């Protein structure tokens, strides 16, 4: 394996650990989205473009949009911004 693969795998581990310790829901969704994008790059490096496209479309695309809509519906995105401004 080359050095880029090791860097990407390290980034995956960092994303997985940081999403568990993240306090804000919006940050967790953004970290999850970056995890999916890195995973799709790894699938391309493993010469599996069909899985890479699926991971990018479903993991980083559709799932993230659904998370953002859910955060908007439960008013989690607006409340975090107001709380930060008040402090």
PDB file of N, CA and C in Angstrom:
ATOM      1  N   UNK A   1       0.838  -1.187   0.000  1.00  0.00           N
ATOM      2  CA  UNK A   1       0.000   0.000   0.000  1.00  0.00           C
ATOM      3  C   UNK A   1       0.880   1.247   0.000  1.00  0.00           C
ATOM      4  N   UNK A   2       0.390   2.265  -0.611  1.00  0.00           N
ATOM      5  CA  UNK A   2       1.171   3.487  -0.634  1.00  0.00           C
ATOM      6  C   UNK A   2       0.796   4.396   0.536  1.00  0.00           C
ATOM      7  N   UNK A   3       1.498   5.481   0.650  1.00  0.00           N
ATOM      8  CA  UNK A   3       1.339   6.373   1.796  1.00  0.00           C
ATOM      9  C   UNK A   3      -0.033   7.046   1.807  1.00  0.00           C
ATOM     10  N   UNK A   4      -0.597   7.309   0.624  1.00  0.00           N
ATOM     11  CA  UNK A   4      -1.920   7.938   0.549  1.00  0.00           C
ATOM     12  C   UNK A   4      -2.988   7.039   1.163  1.00  0.00           C
ATOM     13  N   UNK A   5      -2.883   5.762   0.946  1.00  0.00           N
ATOM     14  CA  UNK A   5      -3.841   4.819   1.517  1.00  0.00           C
ATOM     15  C   UNK A   5      -3.772   4.828   3.038  1.00  0.00           C
ATOM     16  N   UNK A   6      -2.578   4.865   3.574  1.00  0.00           N
ATOM     17  CA  UNK A   6      -2.423   4.924   5.033  1.00  0.00           C
ATOM     18  C   UNK A   6      -2.986   6.222   5.607  1.00  0.00           C
ATOM     19  N   UNK A   7      -2.773   7.320   4.898  1.00  0.00           N
ATOM     20  CA  UNK A   7      -3.319   8.602   5.357  1.00  0.00           C
ATOM     21  C   UNK A   7      -4.839   8.563   5.350  1.00  0.00           C
ATOM     22  N   UNK A   8      -5.436   8.021   4.288  1.00  0.00           N
ATOM     23  CA  UNK A   8      -6.903   7.947   4.207  1.00  0.00           C
ATOM     24  C   UNK A   8      -7.475   7.018   5.276  1.00  0.00           C
ATOM     25  N   UNK A   9      -6.819   5.885   5.510  1.00  0.00           N
ATOM     26  CA  UNK A   9      -7.292   4.981   6.556  1.00  0.00           C
ATOM     27  C   UNK A   9      -7.174   5.616   7.941  1.00  0.00           C
ATOM     28  N   UNK A  10      -6.107   6.369   8.163  1.00  0.00           N
ATOM     29  CA  UNK A  10      -5.973   7.096   9.423  1.00  0.00           C
ATOM     30  C   UNK A  10      -7.059   8.142   9.589  1.00  0.00           C
ATOM     31  N   UNK A  11      -7.387   8.819   8.484  1.00  0.00           N
ATOM     32  CA  UNK A  11      -8.458   9.808   8.533  1.00  0.00           C
ATOM     33  C   UNK A  11      -9.805   9.158   8.838  1.00  0.00           C
ATOM     34  N   UNK A  12     -10.027   7.947   8.314  1.00  0.00           N
ATOM     35  CA  UNK A  12     -11.270   7.225   8.627  1.00  0.00           C
ATOM     36  C   UNK A  12     -11.366   6.919  10.113  1.00  0.00           C
ATOM     37  N   UNK A  13     -10.278   6.488  10.711  1.00  0.00           N
ATOM     38  CA  UNK A  13     -10.273   6.181  12.140  1.00  0.00           C
ATOM     39  C   UNK A  13     -10.506   7.449  12.955  1.00  0.00           C
ATOM     40  N   UNK A  14      -9.876   8.543  12.550  1.00  0.00           N
ATOM     41  CA  UNK A  14     -10.070   9.813  13.254  1.00  0.00           C
ATOM     42  C   UNK A  14     -11.517  10.275  13.149  1.00  0.00           C
ATOM     43  N   UNK A  15     -12.116  10.145  11.981  1.00  0.00           N
ATOM     44  CA  UNK A  15     -13.527  10.528  11.804  1.00  0.00           C
ATOM     45  C   UNK A  15     -14.444   9.663  12.667  1.00  0.00           C
ATOM     46  N   UNK A  16     -14.180   8.366  12.691  1.00  0.00           N
ATOM     47  CA  UNK A  16     -15.031   7.469  13.475  1.00  0.00           C
ATOM     48  C   UNK A  16     -14.941   7.770  14.964  1.00  0.00           C
ATOM     49  N   UNK A  17     -13.766   8.089  15.442  1.00  0.00           N
ATOM     50  CA  UNK A  17     -13.610   8.406  16.863  1.00  0.00           C
ATOM     51  C   UNK A  17     -14.193   9.776  17.184  1.00  0.00           C
ATOM     52  N   UNK A  18     -13.950  10.755  16.314  1.00  0.00           N
ATOM     53  CA  UNK A  18     -14.418  12.112  16.617  1.00  0.00           C
ATOM     54  C   UNK A  18     -15.935  12.239  16.537  1.00  0.00           C
ATOM     55  N   UNK A  19     -16.592  11.446  15.714  1.00  0.00           N
ATOM     56  CA  UNK A  19     -18.057  11.537  15.656  1.00  0.00           C
ATOM     57  C   UNK A  19     -18.689  10.997  16.943  1.00  0.00           C
ATOM     58  N   UNK A  20     -18.016  10.099  17.609  1.00  0.00           N
ATOM     59  CA  UNK A  20     -18.574   9.584  18.865  1.00  0.00           C
ATOM     60  C   UNK A  20     -18.418  10.578  20.006  1.00  0.00           C
ATOM     61  N   UNK A  21     -17.395  11.434  19.937  1.00  0.00           N
ATOM     62  CA  UNK A  21     -17.164  12.404  21.005  1.00  0.00           C
ATOM     63  C   UNK A  21     -17.751  13.783  20.709  1.00  0.00           C
ATOM     64  N   UNK A  22     -18.338  13.961  19.548  1.00  0.00           N
ATOM     65  CA  UNK A  22     -18.892  15.255  19.175  1.00  0.00           C
ATOM     66  C   UNK A  22     -20.163  15.540  19.971  1.00  0.00           C
ATOM     67  N   UNK A  23     -20.261  16.739  20.509  1.00  0.00           N
ATOM     68  CA  UNK A  23     -21.414  17.122  21.328  1.00  0.00           C
ATOM     69  C   UNK A  23     -22.555  17.677  20.487  1.00  0.00           C
ATOM     70  N   UNK A  24     -22.240  18.336  19.384  1.00  0.00           N
ATOM     71  CA  UNK A  24     -23.264  18.957  18.541  1.00  0.00           C
ATOM     72  C   UNK A  24     -23.674  18.015  17.416  1.00  0.00           C
ATOM     73  N   UNK A  25     -24.966  17.961  17.150  1.00  0.00           N
ATOM     74  CA  UNK A  25     -25.483  17.072  16.120  1.00  0.00           C
ATOM     75  C   UNK A  25     -25.027  17.496  14.733  1.00  0.00           C
ATOM     76  N   UNK A  26     -24.970  18.782  14.486  1.00  0.00           N
ATOM     77  CA  UNK A  26     -24.549  19.262  13.173  1.00  0.00           C
ATOM     78  C   UNK A  26     -23.105  18.865  12.878  1.00  0.00           C
ATOM     79  N   UNK A  27     -22.236  18.968  13.872  1.00  0.00           N
ATOM     80  CA  UNK A  27     -20.851  18.539  13.682  1.00  0.00           C
ATOM     81  C   UNK A  27     -20.770  17.043  13.397  1.00  0.00           C
ATOM     82  N   UNK A  28     -21.599  16.268  14.061  1.00  0.00           N
ATOM     83  CA  UNK A  28     -21.609  14.816  13.828  1.00  0.00           C
ATOM     84  C   UNK A  28     -22.010  14.485  12.401  1.00  0.00           C
ATOM     85  N   UNK A  29     -22.989  15.207  11.875  1.00  0.00           N
ATOM     86  CA  UNK A  29     -23.432  14.963  10.505  1.00  0.00           C
ATOM     87  C   UNK A  29     -22.327  15.336   9.517  1.00  0.00           C
ATOM     88  N   UNK A  30     -21.651  16.444   9.748  1.00  0.00           N
ATOM     89  CA  UNK A  30     -20.567  16.854   8.853  1.00  0.00           C
ATOM     90  C   UNK A  30     -19.402  15.879   8.886  1.00  0.00           C
ATOM     91  N   UNK A  31     -19.076  15.362  10.067  1.00  0.00           N
ATOM     92  CA  UNK A  31     -18.005  14.379  10.176  1.00  0.00           C
ATOM     93  C   UNK A  31     -18.403  13.077   9.479  1.00  0.00           C
ATOM     94  N   UNK A  32     -19.662  12.686   9.638  1.00  0.00           N
ATOM     95  CA  UNK A  32     -20.153  11.483   8.958  1.00  0.00           C
ATOM     96  C   UNK A  32     -20.087  11.651   7.442  1.00  0.00           C
ATOM     97  N   UNK A  33     -20.405  12.842   6.962  1.00  0.00           N
ATOM     98  CA  UNK A  33     -20.357  13.112   5.532  1.00  0.00           C
ATOM     99  C   UNK A  33     -18.919  13.028   5.011  1.00  0.00           C
ATOM    100  N   UNK A  34     -17.972  13.561   5.762  1.00  0.00           N
ATOM    101  CA  UNK A  34     -16.577  13.468   5.332  1.00  0.00           C
ATOM    102  C   UNK A  34     -16.079  12.028   5.387  1.00  0.00           C
ATOM    103  N   UNK A  35     -16.560  11.248   6.365  1.00  0.00           N
ATOM    104  CA  UNK A  35     -16.214   9.829   6.443  1.00  0.00           C
ATOM    105  C   UNK A  35     -16.666   9.109   5.169  1.00  0.00           C
ATOM    106  N   UNK A  36     -17.877   9.390   4.727  1.00  0.00           N
ATOM    107  CA  UNK A  36     -18.394   8.733   3.521  1.00  0.00           C
ATOM    108  C   UNK A  36     -17.621   9.141   2.279  1.00  0.00           C
ATOM    109  N   UNK A  37     -17.220  10.405   2.202  1.00  0.00           N
ATOM    110  CA  UNK A  37     -16.445  10.836   1.039  1.00  0.00           C
ATOM    111  C   UNK A  37     -15.077  10.176   0.993  1.00  0.00           C
ATOM    112  N   UNK A  38     -14.421  10.072   2.141  1.00  0.00           N
ATOM    113  CA  UNK A  38     -13.115   9.402   2.182  1.00  0.00           C
ATOM    114  C   UNK A  38     -13.273   7.921   1.850  1.00  0.00           C
ATOM    115  N   UNK A  39     -14.338   7.324   2.335  1.00  0.00           N
ATOM    116  CA  UNK A  39     -14.578   5.912   2.031  1.00  0.00           C
ATOM    117  C   UNK A  39     -14.808   5.709   0.535  1.00  0.00           C
ATOM    118  N   UNK A  40     -15.467   6.652  -0.115  1.00  0.00           N
ATOM    119  CA  UNK A  40     -15.663   6.518  -1.555  1.00  0.00           C
ATOM    120  C   UNK A  40     -14.338   6.664  -2.311  1.00  0.00           C
ATOM    121  N   UNK A  41     -13.428   7.505  -1.812  1.00  0.00           N
ATOM    122  CA  UNK A  41     -12.097   7.605  -2.425  1.00  0.00           C
ATOM    123  C   UNK A  41     -11.336   6.290  -2.270  1.00  0.00           C
ATOM    124  N   UNK A  42     -11.463   5.681  -1.115  1.00  0.00           N
ATOM    125  CA  UNK A  42     -10.791   4.389  -0.892  1.00  0.00           C
ATOM    126  C   UNK A  42     -11.355   3.317  -1.814  1.00  0.00           C
ATOM    127  N   UNK A  43     -12.672   3.330  -2.023  1.00  0.00           N
ATOM    128  CA  UNK A  43     -13.257   2.359  -2.955  1.00  0.00           C
ATOM    129  C   UNK A  43     -12.721   2.568  -4.371  1.00  0.00           C
ATOM    130  N   UNK A  44     -12.514   3.828  -4.759  1.00  0.00           N
ATOM    131  CA  UNK A  44     -11.938   4.084  -6.085  1.00  0.00           C
ATOM    132  C   UNK A  44     -10.501   3.568  -6.173  1.00  0.00           C
ATOM    133  N   UNK A  45      -9.751   3.741  -5.098  1.00  0.00           N
ATOM    134  CA  UNK A  45      -8.368   3.250  -5.093  1.00  0.00           C
ATOM    135  C   UNK A  45      -8.315   1.729  -5.131  1.00  0.00           C
ATOM    136  N   UNK A  46      -9.349   1.083  -4.614  1.00  0.00           N
ATOM    137  CA  UNK A  46      -9.422  -0.377  -4.666  1.00  0.00           C
ATOM    138  C   UNK A  46     -10.022  -0.880  -5.981  1.00  0.00           C
ATOM    139  N   UNK A  47     -10.170   0.050  -6.938  1.00  0.00           N
ATOM    140  CA  UNK A  47     -10.675  -0.255  -8.276  1.00  0.00           C
ATOM    141  C   UNK A  47     -12.076  -0.849  -8.251  1.00  0.00           C
ATOM    142  N   UNK A  48     -12.924  -0.233  -7.464  1.00  0.00           N
ATOM    143  CA  UNK A  48     -14.329  -0.627  -7.405  1.00  0.00           C
ATOM    144  C   UNK A  48     -15.198   0.617  -7.575  1.00  0.00           C
ATOM    145  N   UNK A  49     -15.323   1.097  -8.810  1.00  0.00           N
ATOM    146  CA  UNK A  49     -16.033   2.362  -9.025  1.00  0.00           C
ATOM    147  C   UNK A  49     -17.525   2.294  -8.733  1.00  0.00           C
ATOM    148  N   UNK A  50     -18.133   1.121  -8.886  1.00  0.00           N
ATOM    149  CA  UNK A  50     -19.564   1.025  -8.592  1.00  0.00           C
ATOM    150  C   UNK A  50     -19.838   1.244  -7.108  1.00  0.00           C
ATOM    151  N   UNK A  51     -19.009   0.697  -6.243  1.00  0.00           N
ATOM    152  CA  UNK A  51     -19.170   0.930  -4.806  1.00  0.00           C
ATOM    153  C   UNK A  51     -18.816   2.365  -4.427  1.00  0.00           C
ATOM    154  N   UNK A  52     -17.853   2.946  -5.114  1.00  0.00           N
ATOM    155  CA  UNK A  52     -17.464   4.328  -4.831  1.00  0.00           C
ATOM    156  C   UNK A  52     -18.597   5.289  -5.161  1.00  0.00           C
ATOM    157  N   UNK A  53     -19.236   5.093  -6.299  1.00  0.00           N
ATOM    158  CA  UNK A  53     -20.349   5.957  -6.679  1.00  0.00           C
ATOM    159  C   UNK A  53     -21.519   5.776  -5.723  1.00  0.00           C
ATOM    160  N   UNK A  54     -21.788   4.538  -5.334  1.00  0.00           N
ATOM    161  CA  UNK A  54     -22.876   4.280  -4.394  1.00  0.00           C
ATOM    162  C   UNK A  54     -22.591   4.899  -3.038  1.00  0.00           C
ATOM    163  N   UNK A  55     -21.371   4.780  -2.565  1.00  0.00           N
ATOM    164  CA  UNK A  55     -20.999   5.368  -1.272  1.00  0.00           C
ATOM    165  C   UNK A  55     -21.108   6.882  -1.309  1.00  0.00           C
ATOM    166  N   UNK A  56     -20.660   7.490  -2.397  1.00  0.00           N
ATOM    167  CA  UNK A  56     -20.724   8.943  -2.509  1.00  0.00           C
ATOM    168  C   UNK A  56     -22.168   9.423  -2.609  1.00  0.00           C
ATOM    169  N   UNK A  57     -22.975   8.713  -3.385  1.00  0.00           N
ATOM    170  CA  UNK A  57     -24.359   9.150  -3.575  1.00  0.00           C
ATOM    171  C   UNK A  57     -25.215   8.908  -2.344  1.00  0.00           C
ATOM    172  N   UNK A  58     -25.110   7.728  -1.773  1.00  0.00           N
ATOM    173  CA  UNK A  58     -25.965   7.385  -0.644  1.00  0.00           C
ATOM    174  C   UNK A  58     -25.371   7.864   0.672  1.00  0.00           C
ATOM    175  N   UNK A  59     -24.099   7.565   0.900  1.00  0.00           N
ATOM    176  CA  UNK A  59     -23.479   7.904   2.175  1.00  0.00           C
ATOM    177  C   UNK A  59     -23.309   9.387   2.392  1.00  0.00           C
ATOM    178  N   UNK A  60     -22.694  10.059   1.422  1.00  0.00           N
ATOM    179  CA  UNK A  60     -22.428  11.480   1.584  1.00  0.00           C
ATOM    180  C   UNK A  60     -23.567  12.345   1.063  1.00  0.00           C
ATOM    181  N   UNK A  61     -24.341  11.836   0.136  1.00  0.00           N
ATOM    182  CA  UNK A  61     -25.390  12.643  -0.477  1.00  0.00           C
ATOM    183  C   UNK A  61     -26.738  12.532   0.193  1.00  0.00           C
ATOM    184  N   UNK A  62     -27.416  11.444  -0.073  1.00  0.00           N
ATOM    185  CA  UNK A  62     -28.798  11.288   0.373  1.00  0.00           C
ATOM    186  C   UNK A  62     -28.910  11.223   1.894  1.00  0.00           C
ATOM    187  N   UNK A  63     -28.053  10.459   2.529  1.00  0.00           N
ATOM    188  CA  UNK A  63     -28.128  10.321   3.982  1.00  0.00           C
ATOM    189  C   UNK A  63     -27.854  11.649   4.681  1.00  0.00           C
ATOM    190  N   UNK A  64     -26.888  12.402   4.188  1.00  0.00           N
ATOM    191  CA  UNK A  64     -26.590  13.695   4.800  1.00  0.00           C
ATOM    192  C   UNK A  64     -27.742  14.673   4.630  1.00  0.00           C
ATOM    193  N   UNK A  65     -28.366  14.670   3.465  1.00  0.00           N
ATOM    194  CA  UNK A  65     -29.531  15.537   3.250  1.00  0.00           C
ATOM    195  C   UNK A  65     -30.655  15.153   4.205  1.00  0.00           C
ATOM    196  N   UNK A  66     -30.886  13.857   4.385  1.00  0.00           N
ATOM    197  CA  UNK A  66     -31.923  13.421   5.326  1.00  0.00           C
ATOM    198  C   UNK A  66     -31.596  13.822   6.755  1.00  0.00           C
ATOM    199  N   UNK A  67     -30.313  13.743   7.130  1.00  0.00           N
ATOM    200  CA  UNK A  67     -29.905  14.195   8.466  1.00  0.00           C
ATOM    201  C   UNK A  67     -30.139  15.689   8.632  1.00  0.00           C
ATOM    202  N   UNK A  68     -29.784  16.493   7.605  1.00  0.00           N
ATOM    203  CA  UNK A  68     -29.988  17.941   7.689  1.00  0.00           C
ATOM    204  C   UNK A  68     -31.472  18.288   7.799  1.00  0.00           C
ATOM    205  N   UNK A  69     -32.312  17.598   7.031  1.00  0.00           N
ATOM    206  CA  UNK A  69     -33.757  17.830   7.111  1.00  0.00           C
ATOM    207  C   UNK A  69     -34.281  17.462   8.488  1.00  0.00           C
ATOM    208  N   UNK A  70     -33.802  16.357   9.035  1.00  0.00           N
ATOM    209  CA  UNK A  70     -34.232  15.939  10.374  1.00  0.00           C
ATOM    210  C   UNK A  70     -33.795  16.941  11.424  1.00  0.00           C
ATOM    211  N   UNK A  71     -32.566  17.439  11.330  1.00  0.00           N
ATOM    212  CA  UNK A  71     -32.106  18.448  12.279  1.00  0.00           C
ATOM    213  C   UNK A  71     -32.928  19.724  12.171  1.00  0.00           C
ATOM    214  N   UNK A  72     -33.328  20.081  10.959  1.00  0.00           N
ATOM    215  CA  UNK A  72     -34.158  21.266  10.768  1.00  0.00           C
ATOM    216  C   UNK A  72     -35.560  21.041  11.350  1.00  0.00           C
ATOM    217  N   UNK A  73     -36.096  19.828  11.179  1.00  0.00           N
ATOM    218  CA  UNK A  73     -37.444  19.523  11.689  1.00  0.00           C
ATOM    219  C   UNK A  73     -37.498  19.527  13.208  1.00  0.00           C
ATOM    220  N   UNK A  74     -36.452  19.040  13.855  1.00  0.00           N
ATOM    221  CA  UNK A  74     -36.458  19.006  15.321  1.00  0.00           C
ATOM    222  C   UNK A  74     -35.868  20.286  15.908  1.00  0.00           C
ATOM    223  N   UNK A  75     -35.597  21.257  15.031  1.00  0.00           N
ATOM    224  CA  UNK A  75     -35.091  22.573  15.436  1.00  0.00           C
ATOM    225  C   UNK A  75     -33.767  22.474  16.182  1.00  0.00           C
ATOM    226  N   UNK A  76     -32.933  21.532  15.795  1.00  0.00           N
ATOM    227  CA  UNK A  76     -31.632  21.368  16.446  1.00  0.00           C
ATOM    228  C   UNK A  76     -30.585  22.290  15.835  1.00  0.00           C
ATOM    229  N   UNK A  77     -30.738  22.650  14.563  1.00  0.00           N
ATOM    230  CA  UNK A  77     -29.736  23.507  13.926  1.00  0.00           C
ATOM    231  C   UNK A  77     -29.884  24.952  14.375  1.00  0.00           C
ATOM    232  N   UNK A  78     -31.082  25.453  14.487  1.00  0.00           N
ATOM    233  CA  UNK A  78     -31.294  26.838  14.875  1.00  0.00           C
ATOM    234  C   UNK A  78     -30.975  27.098  16.330  1.00  0.00           C
ATOM    235  N   UNK A  79     -31.270  26.152  17.204  1.00  0.00           N
ATOM    236  CA  UNK A  79     -31.044  26.343  18.631  1.00  0.00           C
ATOM    237  C   UNK A  79     -29.563  26.371  18.964  1.00  0.00           C
ATOM    238  N   UNK A  80     -28.747  25.581  18.281  1.00  0.00           N
ATOM    239  CA  UNK A  80     -27.315  25.581  18.545  1.00  0.00           C
ATOM    240  C   UNK A  80     -26.702  26.919  18.170  1.00  0.00           C
ATOM    241  N   UNK A  81     -27.171  27.512  17.059  1.00  0.00           N
ATOM    242  CA  UNK A  81     -26.639  28.798  16.642  1.00  0.00           C
ATOM    243  C   UNK A  81     -27.003  29.890  17.628  1.00  0.00           C
ATOM    244  N   UNK A  82     -28.217  29.872  18.159  1.00  0.00           N
ATOM    245  CA  UNK A  82     -28.656  30.873  19.120  1.00  0.00           C
ATOM    246  C   UNK A  82     -27.897  30.715  20.419  1.00  0.00           C
ATOM    247  N   UNK A  83     -27.676  29.485  20.875  1.00  0.00           N
ATOM    248  CA  UNK A  83     -26.945  29.251  22.112  1.00  0.00           C
ATOM    249  C   UNK A  83     -25.505  29.751  22.024  1.00  0.00           C
ATOM    250  N   UNK A  84     -24.870  29.593  20.855  1.00  0.00           N
ATOM    251  CA  UNK A  84     -23.500  30.056  20.696  1.00  0.00           C
ATOM    252  C   UNK A  84     -23.419  31.575  20.717  1.00  0.00           C
ATOM    253  N   UNK A  85     -24.420  32.263  20.156  1.00  0.00           N
ATOM    254  CA  UNK A  85     -24.416  33.717  20.118  1.00  0.00           C
ATOM    255  C   UNK A  85     -24.662  34.316  21.509  1.00  0.00           C
ATOM    256  N   UNK A  86     -25.442  33.650  22.349  1.00  0.00           N
ATOM    257  CA  UNK A  86     -25.762  34.164  23.665  1.00  0.00           C
ATOM    258  C   UNK A  86     -24.577  34.076  24.616  1.00  0.00           C
ATOM    259  N   UNK A  87     -23.663  33.154  24.393  1.00  0.00           N
ATOM    260  CA  UNK A  87     -22.529  32.955  25.303  1.00  0.00           C
ATOM    261  C   UNK A  87     -21.532  33.995  25.112  1.00  0.00           C
TER     262      UNK A  87
END
